[in-house]
Amino acid sequence: MLYAVLCYNNEDAVFAWSKEQDANVMVALGKVNDRLAKEGKLGPVARLMPTATATTLRKDREPAMITDGPYAETKEALLGFYIIDCASLEEIHGIARELGECNPGGAFEVRPLLYYAPGTAGT
């Protein structure tokens, strides 16, 4: 089963980290990523730009329109995601806990994937 692990945190806090703090978090996460890749479990991983760079297609009006900013105003924003192949919910929860130990604050939401299209390799 493929699972999405959605990474939420207070983006003001995260983007205020020093370069050294950020690098330390990324090194710790990289160790988990490397292990998952060696186990053949790791799919795409993405770190998103701040929500200030987001635009949203609003379909709740006619005509649909593009607005600046994220869809929802929240304290904790979606900052990135993992796609991980696991045999069970217990296994993915263990991985989410491991990722959480690397990254202070925030939350990791786990959702099974209903559909996955990997796209074009090398882009």
PDB file of N, CA and C in Angstrom:
ATOM      1  N   MET A   1       0.856  -1.175   0.000  1.00  0.00           N
ATOM      2  CA  MET A   1       0.000   0.000   0.000  1.00  0.00           C
ATOM      3  C   MET A   1       0.896   1.230   0.000  1.00  0.00           C
ATOM      4  N   LEU A   2       0.572   2.171  -0.852  1.00  0.00           N
ATOM      5  CA  LEU A   2       1.283   3.455  -0.851  1.00  0.00           C
ATOM      6  C   LEU A   2       0.586   4.412   0.099  1.00  0.00           C
ATOM      7  N   TYR A   3       1.371   5.143   0.876  1.00  0.00           N
ATOM      8  CA  TYR A   3       0.863   6.135   1.806  1.00  0.00           C
ATOM      9  C   TYR A   3       1.509   7.480   1.520  1.00  0.00           C
ATOM     10  N   ALA A   4       0.729   8.532   1.657  1.00  0.00           N
ATOM     11  CA  ALA A   4       1.272   9.888   1.642  1.00  0.00           C
ATOM     12  C   ALA A   4       1.482  10.299   3.086  1.00  0.00           C
ATOM     13  N   VAL A   5       2.639  10.837   3.383  1.00  0.00           N
ATOM     14  CA  VAL A   5       2.918  11.424   4.687  1.00  0.00           C
ATOM     15  C   VAL A   5       3.038  12.920   4.455  1.00  0.00           C
ATOM     16  N   LEU A   6       2.042  13.661   4.924  1.00  0.00           N
ATOM     17  CA  LEU A   6       1.970  15.104   4.711  1.00  0.00           C
ATOM     18  C   LEU A   6       2.585  15.807   5.916  1.00  0.00           C
ATOM     19  N   CYS A   7       3.523  16.693   5.660  1.00  0.00           N
ATOM     20  CA  CYS A   7       4.303  17.338   6.710  1.00  0.00           C
ATOM     21  C   CYS A   7       3.760  18.736   6.986  1.00  0.00           C
ATOM     22  N   TYR A   8       3.231  18.939   8.183  1.00  0.00           N
ATOM     23  CA  TYR A   8       2.695  20.232   8.581  1.00  0.00           C
ATOM     24  C   TYR A   8       3.561  20.822   9.680  1.00  0.00           C
ATOM     25  N   ASN A   9       3.704  22.132   9.669  1.00  0.00           N
ATOM     26  CA  ASN A   9       4.421  22.820  10.741  1.00  0.00           C
ATOM     27  C   ASN A   9       4.075  24.296  10.660  1.00  0.00           C
ATOM     28  N   ASN A  10       4.460  25.038  11.667  1.00  0.00           N
ATOM     29  CA  ASN A  10       4.292  26.487  11.665  1.00  0.00           C
ATOM     30  C   ASN A  10       5.358  27.049  10.732  1.00  0.00           C
ATOM     31  N   GLU A  11       4.936  27.492   9.556  1.00  0.00           N
ATOM     32  CA  GLU A  11       5.934  27.886   8.556  1.00  0.00           C
ATOM     33  C   GLU A  11       6.718  29.122   8.972  1.00  0.00           C
ATOM     34  N   ASP A  12       6.133  30.017   9.773  1.00  0.00           N
ATOM     35  CA  ASP A  12       6.909  31.164  10.250  1.00  0.00           C
ATOM     36  C   ASP A  12       8.095  30.694  11.083  1.00  0.00           C
ATOM     37  N   ALA A  13       7.862  29.686  11.917  1.00  0.00           N
ATOM     38  CA  ALA A  13       8.949  29.137  12.742  1.00  0.00           C
ATOM     39  C   ALA A  13       9.978  28.418  11.876  1.00  0.00           C
ATOM     40  N   VAL A  14       9.512  27.574  10.953  1.00  0.00           N
ATOM     41  CA  VAL A  14      10.424  26.786  10.121  1.00  0.00           C
ATOM     42  C   VAL A  14      11.279  27.682   9.238  1.00  0.00           C
ATOM     43  N   PHE A  15      10.660  28.669   8.597  1.00  0.00           N
ATOM     44  CA  PHE A  15      11.426  29.524   7.697  1.00  0.00           C
ATOM     45  C   PHE A  15      12.251  30.572   8.452  1.00  0.00           C
ATOM     46  N   ALA A  16      12.127  30.601   9.794  1.00  0.00           N
ATOM     47  CA  ALA A  16      12.973  31.463  10.613  1.00  0.00           C
ATOM     48  C   ALA A  16      14.199  30.706  11.140  1.00  0.00           C
ATOM     49  N   TRP A  17      14.246  29.391  10.905  1.00  0.00           N
ATOM     50  CA  TRP A  17      15.414  28.627  11.337  1.00  0.00           C
ATOM     51  C   TRP A  17      16.661  29.187  10.686  1.00  0.00           C
ATOM     52  N   SER A  18      17.768  29.130  11.407  1.00  0.00           N
ATOM     53  CA  SER A  18      19.049  29.512  10.811  1.00  0.00           C
ATOM     54  C   SER A  18      19.402  28.473   9.747  1.00  0.00           C
ATOM     55  N   LYS A  19      20.339  28.819   8.874  1.00  0.00           N
ATOM     56  CA  LYS A  19      20.781  27.861   7.858  1.00  0.00           C
ATOM     57  C   LYS A  19      21.299  26.588   8.514  1.00  0.00           C
ATOM     58  N   GLU A  20      21.975  26.741   9.648  1.00  0.00           N
ATOM     59  CA  GLU A  20      22.515  25.585  10.362  1.00  0.00           C
ATOM     60  C   GLU A  20      21.398  24.710  10.931  1.00  0.00           C
ATOM     61  N   GLN A  21      20.386  25.328  11.549  1.00  0.00           N
ATOM     62  CA  GLN A  21      19.251  24.563  12.078  1.00  0.00           C
ATOM     63  C   GLN A  21      18.544  23.812  10.954  1.00  0.00           C
ATOM     64  N   ASP A  22      18.288  24.494   9.861  1.00  0.00           N
ATOM     65  CA  ASP A  22      17.619  23.880   8.730  1.00  0.00           C
ATOM     66  C   ASP A  22      18.445  22.725   8.174  1.00  0.00           C
ATOM     67  N   ALA A  23      19.744  22.943   8.033  1.00  0.00           N
ATOM     68  CA  ALA A  23      20.624  21.893   7.509  1.00  0.00           C
ATOM     69  C   ALA A  23      20.627  20.680   8.434  1.00  0.00           C
ATOM     70  N   ASN A  24      20.618  20.904   9.743  1.00  0.00           N
ATOM     71  CA  ASN A  24      20.608  19.792  10.701  1.00  0.00           C
ATOM     72  C   ASN A  24      19.335  18.965  10.570  1.00  0.00           C
ATOM     73  N   VAL A  25      18.189  19.634  10.421  1.00  0.00           N
ATOM     74  CA  VAL A  25      16.931  18.913  10.237  1.00  0.00           C
ATOM     75  C   VAL A  25      16.972  18.118   8.941  1.00  0.00           C
ATOM     76  N   MET A  26      17.467  18.736   7.876  1.00  0.00           N
ATOM     77  CA  MET A  26      17.508  18.055   6.585  1.00  0.00           C
ATOM     78  C   MET A  26      18.470  16.861   6.605  1.00  0.00           C
ATOM     79  N   VAL A  27      19.569  16.962   7.327  1.00  0.00           N
ATOM     80  CA  VAL A  27      20.495  15.829   7.461  1.00  0.00           C
ATOM     81  C   VAL A  27      19.810  14.683   8.198  1.00  0.00           C
ATOM     82  N   ALA A  28      19.112  14.998   9.291  1.00  0.00           N
ATOM     83  CA  ALA A  28      18.412  13.960  10.050  1.00  0.00           C
ATOM     84  C   ALA A  28      17.337  13.296   9.194  1.00  0.00           C
ATOM     85  N   LEU A  29      16.563  14.094   8.476  1.00  0.00           N
ATOM     86  CA  LEU A  29      15.548  13.531   7.592  1.00  0.00           C
ATOM     87  C   LEU A  29      16.192  12.725   6.465  1.00  0.00           C
ATOM     88  N   GLY A  30      17.332  13.193   5.976  1.00  0.00           N
ATOM     89  CA  GLY A  30      18.051  12.487   4.915  1.00  0.00           C
ATOM     90  C   GLY A  30      18.453  11.080   5.322  1.00  0.00           C
ATOM     91  N   LYS A  31      18.796  10.890   6.589  1.00  0.00           N
ATOM     92  CA  LYS A  31      19.156   9.553   7.080  1.00  0.00           C
ATOM     93  C   LYS A  31      17.958   8.612   7.002  1.00  0.00           C
ATOM     94  N   VAL A  32      16.782   9.118   7.375  1.00  0.00           N
ATOM     95  CA  VAL A  32      15.569   8.305   7.268  1.00  0.00           C
ATOM     96  C   VAL A  32      15.268   8.035   5.792  1.00  0.00           C
ATOM     97  N   ASN A  33      15.376   9.062   4.954  1.00  0.00           N
ATOM     98  CA  ASN A  33      15.140   8.907   3.517  1.00  0.00           C
ATOM     99  C   ASN A  33      16.063   7.849   2.921  1.00  0.00           C
ATOM    100  N   ASP A  34      17.352   7.916   3.265  1.00  0.00           N
ATOM    101  CA  ASP A  34      18.324   6.960   2.725  1.00  0.00           C
ATOM    102  C   ASP A  34      17.949   5.531   3.105  1.00  0.00           C
ATOM    103  N   ARG A  35      17.557   5.323   4.363  1.00  0.00           N
ATOM    104  CA  ARG A  35      17.181   3.985   4.804  1.00  0.00           C
ATOM    105  C   ARG A  35      15.946   3.496   4.045  1.00  0.00           C
ATOM    106  N   LEU A  36      14.938   4.356   3.930  1.00  0.00           N
ATOM    107  CA  LEU A  36      13.721   3.966   3.219  1.00  0.00           C
ATOM    108  C   LEU A  36      13.999   3.685   1.744  1.00  0.00           C
ATOM    109  N   ALA A  37      14.898   4.458   1.136  1.00  0.00           N
ATOM    110  CA  ALA A  37      15.259   4.232  -0.266  1.00  0.00           C
ATOM    111  C   ALA A  37      15.949   2.878  -0.428  1.00  0.00           C
ATOM    112  N   LYS A  38      16.862   2.557   0.482  1.00  0.00           N
ATOM    113  CA  LYS A  38      17.560   1.266   0.420  1.00  0.00           C
ATOM    114  C   LYS A  38      16.596   0.104   0.582  1.00  0.00           C
ATOM    115  N   GLU A  39      15.518   0.332   1.363  1.00  0.00           N
ATOM    116  CA  GLU A  39      14.509  -0.710   1.566  1.00  0.00           C
ATOM    117  C   GLU A  39      13.502  -0.764   0.425  1.00  0.00           C
ATOM    118  N   GLY A  40      13.634   0.140  -0.553  1.00  0.00           N
ATOM    119  CA  GLY A  40      12.720   0.166  -1.688  1.00  0.00           C
ATOM    120  C   GLY A  40      11.336   0.688  -1.351  1.00  0.00           C
ATOM    121  N   LYS A  41      11.228   1.456  -0.278  1.00  0.00           N
ATOM    122  CA  LYS A  41       9.930   1.953   0.173  1.00  0.00           C
ATOM    123  C   LYS A  41       9.676   3.406  -0.211  1.00  0.00           C
ATOM    124  N   LEU A  42      10.715   4.169  -0.507  1.00  0.00           N
ATOM    125  CA  LEU A  42      10.588   5.608  -0.669  1.00  0.00           C
ATOM    126  C   LEU A  42      10.218   5.996  -2.090  1.00  0.00           C
ATOM    127  N   GLY A  43       9.154   6.757  -2.200  1.00  0.00           N
ATOM    128  CA  GLY A  43       8.753   7.344  -3.469  1.00  0.00           C
ATOM    129  C   GLY A  43       9.169   8.804  -3.480  1.00  0.00           C
ATOM    130  N   PRO A  44       8.437   9.652  -4.192  1.00  0.00           N
ATOM    131  CA  PRO A  44       8.782  11.067  -4.259  1.00  0.00           C
ATOM    132  C   PRO A  44       8.711  11.737  -2.889  1.00  0.00           C
ATOM    133  N   VAL A  45       9.596  12.677  -2.690  1.00  0.00           N
ATOM    134  CA  VAL A  45       9.617  13.515  -1.492  1.00  0.00           C
ATOM    135  C   VAL A  45       9.727  14.956  -1.978  1.00  0.00           C
ATOM    136  N   ALA A  46       8.939  15.846  -1.415  1.00  0.00           N
ATOM    137  CA  ALA A  46       8.994  17.244  -1.839  1.00  0.00           C
ATOM    138  C   ALA A  46       8.922  18.162  -0.626  1.00  0.00           C
ATOM    139  N   ARG A  47       9.716  19.213  -0.666  1.00  0.00           N
ATOM    140  CA  ARG A  47       9.623  20.289   0.313  1.00  0.00           C
ATOM    141  C   ARG A  47       9.049  21.483  -0.436  1.00  0.00           C
ATOM    142  N   LEU A  48       7.949  21.998   0.062  1.00  0.00           N
ATOM    143  CA  LEU A  48       7.240  23.060  -0.636  1.00  0.00           C
ATOM    144  C   LEU A  48       7.767  24.435  -0.265  1.00  0.00           C
ATOM    145  N   MET A  49       7.609  25.374  -1.169  1.00  0.00           N
ATOM    146  CA  MET A  49       7.923  26.777  -0.893  1.00  0.00           C
ATOM    147  C   MET A  49       6.877  27.307   0.094  1.00  0.00           C
ATOM    148  N   PRO A  50       7.126  28.475   0.713  1.00  0.00           N
ATOM    149  CA  PRO A  50       6.161  29.020   1.678  1.00  0.00           C
ATOM    150  C   PRO A  50       4.782  29.246   1.054  1.00  0.00           C
ATOM    151  N   THR A  51       3.756  29.239   1.903  1.00  0.00           N
ATOM    152  CA  THR A  51       2.392  29.428   1.416  1.00  0.00           C
ATOM    153  C   THR A  51       2.217  30.773   0.727  1.00  0.00           C
ATOM    154  N   ALA A  52       3.057  31.746   1.031  1.00  0.00           N
ATOM    155  CA  ALA A  52       2.968  33.051   0.359  1.00  0.00           C
ATOM    156  C   ALA A  52       3.201  32.926  -1.143  1.00  0.00           C
ATOM    157  N   THR A  53       3.836  31.840  -1.582  1.00  0.00           N
ATOM    158  CA  THR A  53       4.082  31.633  -3.007  1.00  0.00           C
ATOM    159  C   THR A  53       2.956  30.847  -3.678  1.00  0.00           C
ATOM    160  N   ALA A  54       1.968  30.396  -2.889  1.00  0.00           N
ATOM    161  CA  ALA A  54       0.886  29.559  -3.418  1.00  0.00           C
ATOM    162  C   ALA A  54      -0.171  30.385  -4.140  1.00  0.00           C
ATOM    163  N   THR A  55      -0.811  29.735  -5.075  1.00  0.00           N
ATOM    164  CA  THR A  55      -2.045  30.250  -5.685  1.00  0.00           C
ATOM    165  C   THR A  55      -3.059  29.119  -5.613  1.00  0.00           C
ATOM    166  N   THR A  56      -4.333  29.460  -5.629  1.00  0.00           N
ATOM    167  CA  THR A  56      -5.382  28.457  -5.476  1.00  0.00           C
ATOM    168  C   THR A  56      -6.469  28.673  -6.514  1.00  0.00           C
ATOM    169  N   LEU A  57      -6.872  27.598  -7.177  1.00  0.00           N
ATOM    170  CA  LEU A  57      -8.017  27.635  -8.072  1.00  0.00           C
ATOM    171  C   LEU A  57      -9.263  27.472  -7.211  1.00  0.00           C
ATOM    172  N   ARG A  58     -10.090  28.507  -7.136  1.00  0.00           N
ATOM    173  CA  ARG A  58     -11.334  28.476  -6.357  1.00  0.00           C
ATOM    174  C   ARG A  58     -12.461  28.093  -7.295  1.00  0.00           C
ATOM    175  N   LYS A  59     -13.069  26.937  -7.059  1.00  0.00           N
ATOM    176  CA  LYS A  59     -14.126  26.438  -7.933  1.00  0.00           C
ATOM    177  C   LYS A  59     -15.511  26.678  -7.346  1.00  0.00           C
ATOM    178  N   ASP A  60     -15.598  27.359  -6.217  1.00  0.00           N
ATOM    179  CA  ASP A  60     -16.878  27.553  -5.554  1.00  0.00           C
ATOM    180  C   ASP A  60     -17.623  28.773  -6.090  1.00  0.00           C
ATOM    181  N   ARG A  61     -17.190  29.278  -7.225  1.00  0.00           N
ATOM    182  CA  ARG A  61     -17.861  30.425  -7.856  1.00  0.00           C
ATOM    183  C   ARG A  61     -17.755  30.281  -9.365  1.00  0.00           C
ATOM    184  N   GLU A  62     -18.610  30.977 -10.063  1.00  0.00           N
ATOM    185  CA  GLU A  62     -18.573  30.975 -11.531  1.00  0.00           C
ATOM    186  C   GLU A  62     -18.212  32.365 -12.011  1.00  0.00           C
ATOM    187  N   PRO A  63     -17.256  32.544 -12.843  1.00  0.00           N
ATOM    188  CA  PRO A  63     -16.353  31.489 -13.288  1.00  0.00           C
ATOM    189  C   PRO A  63     -15.332  31.177 -12.191  1.00  0.00           C
ATOM    190  N   ALA A  64     -14.735  29.994 -12.287  1.00  0.00           N
ATOM    191  CA  ALA A  64     -13.670  29.631 -11.354  1.00  0.00           C
ATOM    192  C   ALA A  64     -12.567  30.669 -11.465  1.00  0.00           C
ATOM    193  N   MET A  65     -11.892  30.943 -10.348  1.00  0.00           N
ATOM    194  CA  MET A  65     -10.836  31.960 -10.399  1.00  0.00           C
ATOM    195  C   MET A  65      -9.617  31.508  -9.611  1.00  0.00           C
ATOM    196  N   ILE A  66      -8.475  32.058 -10.000  1.00  0.00           N
ATOM    197  CA  ILE A  66      -7.217  31.810  -9.308  1.00  0.00           C
ATOM    198  C   ILE A  66      -7.023  32.942  -8.305  1.00  0.00           C
ATOM    199  N   THR A  67      -6.746  32.561  -7.058  1.00  0.00           N
ATOM    200  CA  THR A  67      -6.483  33.560  -6.025  1.00  0.00           C
ATOM    201  C   THR A  67      -5.068  33.374  -5.499  1.00  0.00           C
ATOM    202  N   ASP A  68      -4.514  34.430  -4.930  1.00  0.00           N
ATOM    203  CA  ASP A  68      -3.208  34.327  -4.287  1.00  0.00           C
ATOM    204  C   ASP A  68      -3.353  33.589  -2.970  1.00  0.00           C
ATOM    205  N   GLY A  69      -2.304  32.869  -2.598  1.00  0.00           N
ATOM    206  CA  GLY A  69      -2.256  32.245  -1.285  1.00  0.00           C
ATOM    207  C   GLY A  69      -2.812  30.839  -1.251  1.00  0.00           C
ATOM    208  N   PRO A  70      -2.641  30.216  -0.100  1.00  0.00           N
ATOM    209  CA  PRO A  70      -3.103  28.840   0.077  1.00  0.00           C
ATOM    210  C   PRO A  70      -4.622  28.794   0.203  1.00  0.00           C
ATOM    211  N   TYR A  71      -5.162  27.601   0.093  1.00  0.00           N
ATOM    212  CA  TYR A  71      -6.609  27.416   0.176  1.00  0.00           C
ATOM    213  C   TYR A  71      -7.125  27.795   1.555  1.00  0.00           C
ATOM    214  N   ALA A  72      -6.467  27.339   2.597  1.00  0.00           N
ATOM    215  CA  ALA A  72      -6.954  27.570   3.957  1.00  0.00           C
ATOM    216  C   ALA A  72      -5.959  28.416   4.733  1.00  0.00           C
ATOM    217  N   GLU A  73      -6.495  29.255   5.578  1.00  0.00           N
ATOM    218  CA  GLU A  73      -5.651  30.024   6.487  1.00  0.00           C
ATOM    219  C   GLU A  73      -5.488  29.204   7.763  1.00  0.00           C
ATOM    220  N   THR A  74      -4.311  28.706   7.988  1.00  0.00           N
ATOM    221  CA  THR A  74      -4.062  27.911   9.182  1.00  0.00           C
ATOM    222  C   THR A  74      -2.723  28.283   9.759  1.00  0.00           C
ATOM    223  N   LYS A  75      -2.542  28.001  11.030  1.00  0.00           N
ATOM    224  CA  LYS A  75      -1.251  28.255  11.680  1.00  0.00           C
ATOM    225  C   LYS A  75      -0.204  27.275  11.162  1.00  0.00           C
ATOM    226  N   GLU A  76      -0.607  26.014  11.011  1.00  0.00           N
ATOM    227  CA  GLU A  76       0.309  25.015  10.490  1.00  0.00           C
ATOM    228  C   GLU A  76      -0.023  24.775   9.027  1.00  0.00           C
ATOM    229  N   ALA A  77       0.965  24.962   8.176  1.00  0.00           N
ATOM    230  CA  ALA A  77       0.773  24.830   6.733  1.00  0.00           C
ATOM    231  C   ALA A  77       1.402  23.540   6.234  1.00  0.00           C
ATOM    232  N   LEU A  78       0.891  23.031   5.133  1.00  0.00           N
ATOM    233  CA  LEU A  78       1.491  21.882   4.469  1.00  0.00           C
ATOM    234  C   LEU A  78       2.825  22.327   3.891  1.00  0.00           C
ATOM    235  N   LEU A  79       3.910  21.753   4.386  1.00  0.00           N
ATOM    236  CA  LEU A  79       5.252  22.169   3.974  1.00  0.00           C
ATOM    237  C   LEU A  79       5.934  21.161   3.059  1.00  0.00           C
ATOM    238  N   GLY A  80       5.411  19.960   2.993  1.00  0.00           N
ATOM    239  CA  GLY A  80       6.028  18.956   2.139  1.00  0.00           C
ATOM    240  C   GLY A  80       5.320  17.623   2.281  1.00  0.00           C
ATOM    241  N   PHE A  81       5.810  16.616   1.533  1.00  0.00           N
ATOM    242  CA  PHE A  81       5.184  15.303   1.612  1.00  0.00           C
ATOM    243  C   PHE A  81       6.159  14.210   1.185  1.00  0.00           C
ATOM    244  N   TYR A  82       5.838  13.008   1.602  1.00  0.00           N
ATOM    245  CA  TYR A  82       6.543  11.791   1.223  1.00  0.00           C
ATOM    246  C   TYR A  82       5.515  10.844   0.620  1.00  0.00           C
ATOM    247  N   ILE A  83       5.944  10.000  -0.293  1.00  0.00           N
ATOM    248  CA  ILE A  83       5.154   8.863  -0.744  1.00  0.00           C
ATOM    249  C   ILE A  83       5.969   7.629  -0.354  1.00  0.00           C
ATOM    250  N   ILE A  84       5.375   6.774   0.487  1.00  0.00           N
ATOM    251  CA  ILE A  84       6.105   5.636   1.048  1.00  0.00           C
ATOM    252  C   ILE A  84       5.279   4.371   0.869  1.00  0.00           C
ATOM    253  N   ASP A  85       5.938   3.305   0.441  1.00  0.00           N
ATOM    254  CA  ASP A  85       5.295   2.014   0.230  1.00  0.00           C
ATOM    255  C   ASP A  85       5.466   1.166   1.483  1.00  0.00           C
ATOM    256  N   CYS A  86       4.370   0.828   2.149  1.00  0.00           N
ATOM    257  CA  CYS A  86       4.415   0.050   3.387  1.00  0.00           C
ATOM    258  C   CYS A  86       3.400  -1.080   3.335  1.00  0.00           C
ATOM    259  N   ALA A  87       3.677  -2.109   4.103  1.00  0.00           N
ATOM    260  CA  ALA A  87       2.796  -3.268   4.151  1.00  0.00           C
ATOM    261  C   ALA A  87       1.604  -3.059   5.071  1.00  0.00           C
ATOM    262  N   SER A  88       1.712  -2.118   6.017  1.00  0.00           N
ATOM    263  CA  SER A  88       0.637  -1.970   6.989  1.00  0.00           C
ATOM    264  C   SER A  88       0.572  -0.551   7.533  1.00  0.00           C
ATOM    265  N   LEU A  89      -0.546  -0.255   8.147  1.00  0.00           N
ATOM    266  CA  LEU A  89      -0.719   1.034   8.811  1.00  0.00           C
ATOM    267  C   LEU A  89       0.260   1.171   9.981  1.00  0.00           C
ATOM    268  N   GLU A  90       0.506   0.083  10.672  1.00  0.00           N
ATOM    269  CA  GLU A  90       1.459   0.113  11.789  1.00  0.00           C
ATOM    270  C   GLU A  90       2.848   0.500  11.304  1.00  0.00           C
ATOM    271  N   GLU A  91       3.259  -0.036  10.151  1.00  0.00           N
ATOM    272  CA  GLU A  91       4.588   0.271   9.612  1.00  0.00           C
ATOM    273  C   GLU A  91       4.703   1.750   9.245  1.00  0.00           C
ATOM    274  N   ILE A  92       3.689   2.291   8.563  1.00  0.00           N
ATOM    275  CA  ILE A  92       3.767   3.701   8.165  1.00  0.00           C
ATOM    276  C   ILE A  92       3.699   4.606   9.384  1.00  0.00           C
ATOM    277  N   HIS A  93       2.967   4.209  10.414  1.00  0.00           N
ATOM    278  CA  HIS A  93       2.944   5.014  11.642  1.00  0.00           C
ATOM    279  C   HIS A  93       4.319   5.040  12.300  1.00  0.00           C
ATOM    280  N   GLY A  94       5.020   3.922  12.271  1.00  0.00           N
ATOM    281  CA  GLY A  94       6.384   3.893  12.804  1.00  0.00           C
ATOM    282  C   GLY A  94       7.305   4.821  12.036  1.00  0.00           C
ATOM    283  N   ILE A  95       7.171   4.840  10.721  1.00  0.00           N
ATOM    284  CA  ILE A  95       7.994   5.730   9.892  1.00  0.00           C
ATOM    285  C   ILE A  95       7.639   7.184  10.158  1.00  0.00           C
ATOM    286  N   ALA A  96       6.344   7.488  10.281  1.00  0.00           N
ATOM    287  CA  ALA A  96       5.933   8.860  10.592  1.00  0.00           C
ATOM    288  C   ALA A  96       6.514   9.304  11.934  1.00  0.00           C
ATOM    289  N   ARG A  97       6.527   8.405  12.914  1.00  0.00           N
ATOM    290  CA  ARG A  97       7.140   8.738  14.210  1.00  0.00           C
ATOM    291  C   ARG A  97       8.638   9.032  14.045  1.00  0.00           C
ATOM    292  N   GLU A  98       9.301   8.218  13.244  1.00  0.00           N
ATOM    293  CA  GLU A  98      10.739   8.395  13.001  1.00  0.00           C
ATOM    294  C   GLU A  98      11.008   9.746  12.330  1.00  0.00           C
ATOM    295  N   LEU A  99      10.209  10.088  11.327  1.00  0.00           N
ATOM    296  CA  LEU A  99      10.353  11.391  10.673  1.00  0.00           C
ATOM    297  C   LEU A  99      10.082  12.516  11.673  1.00  0.00           C
ATOM    298  N   GLY A 100       9.071  12.325  12.509  1.00  0.00           N
ATOM    299  CA  GLY A 100       8.712  13.329  13.498  1.00  0.00           C
ATOM    300  C   GLY A 100       9.825  13.600  14.504  1.00  0.00           C
ATOM    301  N   GLU A 101      10.611  12.589  14.820  1.00  0.00           N
ATOM    302  CA  GLU A 101      11.732  12.773  15.740  1.00  0.00           C
ATOM    303  C   GLU A 101      12.810  13.671  15.135  1.00  0.00           C
ATOM    304  N   CYS A 102      12.878  13.746  13.826  1.00  0.00           N
ATOM    305  CA  CYS A 102      13.887  14.548  13.132  1.00  0.00           C
ATOM    306  C   CYS A 102      13.485  16.011  13.021  1.00  0.00           C
ATOM    307  N   ASN A 103      12.203  16.293  13.097  1.00  0.00           N
ATOM    308  CA  ASN A 103      11.682  17.606  12.747  1.00  0.00           C
ATOM    309  C   ASN A 103      10.892  18.167  13.923  1.00  0.00           C
ATOM    310  N   PRO A 104      11.405  19.217  14.579  1.00  0.00           N
ATOM    311  CA  PRO A 104      10.712  19.749  15.754  1.00  0.00           C
ATOM    312  C   PRO A 104       9.375  20.395  15.407  1.00  0.00           C
ATOM    313  N   GLY A 105       8.378  20.165  16.259  1.00  0.00           N
ATOM    314  CA  GLY A 105       7.063  20.789  16.084  1.00  0.00           C
ATOM    315  C   GLY A 105       6.267  20.167  14.966  1.00  0.00           C
ATOM    316  N   GLY A 106       5.079  20.700  14.767  1.00  0.00           N
ATOM    317  CA  GLY A 106       4.263  20.316  13.629  1.00  0.00           C
ATOM    318  C   GLY A 106       3.589  18.968  13.769  1.00  0.00           C
ATOM    319  N   ALA A 107       3.163  18.431  12.640  1.00  0.00           N
ATOM    320  CA  ALA A 107       2.434  17.170  12.580  1.00  0.00           C
ATOM    321  C   ALA A 107       2.717  16.484  11.259  1.00  0.00           C
ATOM    322  N   PHE A 108       2.561  15.174  11.257  1.00  0.00           N
ATOM    323  CA  PHE A 108       2.676  14.378  10.049  1.00  0.00           C
ATOM    324  C   PHE A 108       1.364  13.630   9.862  1.00  0.00           C
ATOM    325  N   GLU A 109       0.612  13.986   8.834  1.00  0.00           N
ATOM    326  CA  GLU A 109      -0.651  13.317   8.527  1.00  0.00           C
ATOM    327  C   GLU A 109      -0.365  12.161   7.584  1.00  0.00           C
ATOM    328  N   VAL A 110      -0.924  10.994   7.883  1.00  0.00           N
ATOM    329  CA  VAL A 110      -0.734   9.795   7.065  1.00  0.00           C
ATOM    330  C   VAL A 110      -2.040   9.488   6.359  1.00  0.00           C
ATOM    331  N   ARG A 111      -1.967   9.337   5.032  1.00  0.00           N
ATOM    332  CA  ARG A 111      -3.150   8.990   4.248  1.00  0.00           C
ATOM    333  C   ARG A 111      -2.806   7.941   3.208  1.00  0.00           C
ATOM    334  N   PRO A 112      -3.596   6.868   3.121  1.00  0.00           N
ATOM    335  CA  PRO A 112      -3.395   5.909   2.036  1.00  0.00           C
ATOM    336  C   PRO A 112      -3.690   6.588   0.692  1.00  0.00           C
ATOM    337  N   LEU A 113      -2.945   6.218  -0.325  1.00  0.00           N
ATOM    338  CA  LEU A 113      -3.178   6.762  -1.658  1.00  0.00           C
ATOM    339  C   LEU A 113      -4.244   5.942  -2.368  1.00  0.00           C
ATOM    340  N   LEU A 114      -5.144   6.626  -3.010  1.00  0.00           N
ATOM    341  CA  LEU A 114      -6.182   5.973  -3.802  1.00  0.00           C
ATOM    342  C   LEU A 114      -5.710   5.815  -5.246  1.00  0.00           C
ATOM    343  N   TYR A 115      -4.907   6.763  -5.707  1.00  0.00           N
ATOM    344  CA  TYR A 115      -4.417   6.774  -7.077  1.00  0.00           C
ATOM    345  C   TYR A 115      -3.016   7.373  -7.071  1.00  0.00           C
ATOM    346  N   TYR A 116      -2.132   6.809  -7.883  1.00  0.00           N
ATOM    347  CA  TYR A 116      -0.764   7.327  -7.974  1.00  0.00           C
ATOM    348  C   TYR A 116      -0.276   7.213  -9.406  1.00  0.00           C
ATOM    349  N   ALA A 117       0.176   8.324  -9.966  1.00  0.00           N
ATOM    350  CA  ALA A 117       0.799   8.338 -11.281  1.00  0.00           C
ATOM    351  C   ALA A 117       2.164   8.998 -11.109  1.00  0.00           C
ATOM    352  N   PRO A 118       3.238   8.266 -11.255  1.00  0.00           N
ATOM    353  CA  PRO A 118       4.558   8.802 -10.946  1.00  0.00           C
ATOM    354  C   PRO A 118       5.054   9.896 -11.872  1.00  0.00           C
ATOM    355  N   GLY A 119       4.413  10.096 -12.998  1.00  0.00           N
ATOM    356  CA  GLY A 119       4.865  11.158 -13.897  1.00  0.00           C
ATOM    357  C   GLY A 119       6.048  10.717 -14.728  1.00  0.00           C
ATOM    358  N   THR A 120       6.751  11.700 -15.276  1.00  0.00           N
ATOM    359  CA  THR A 120       7.870  11.434 -16.160  1.00  0.00           C
ATOM    360  C   THR A 120       9.164  11.403 -15.366  1.00  0.00           C
ATOM    361  N   ALA A 121       9.940  10.382 -15.517  1.00  0.00           N
ATOM    362  CA  ALA A 121      11.216  10.265 -14.819  1.00  0.00           C
ATOM    363  C   ALA A 121      12.192  11.310 -15.347  1.00  0.00           C
ATOM    364  N   GLY A 122      13.012  11.823 -14.440  1.00  0.00           N
ATOM    365  CA  GLY A 122      14.075  12.732 -14.825  1.00  0.00           C
ATOM    366  C   GLY A 122      13.648  14.180 -15.010  1.00  0.00           C
ATOM    367  N   THR A 123      12.450  14.536 -14.603  1.00  0.00           N
ATOM    368  CA  THR A 123      12.035  15.940 -14.750  1.00  0.00           C
ATOM    369  C   THR A 123      12.046  16.637 -13.418  1.00  0.00           C
TER     370      THR A 123
END
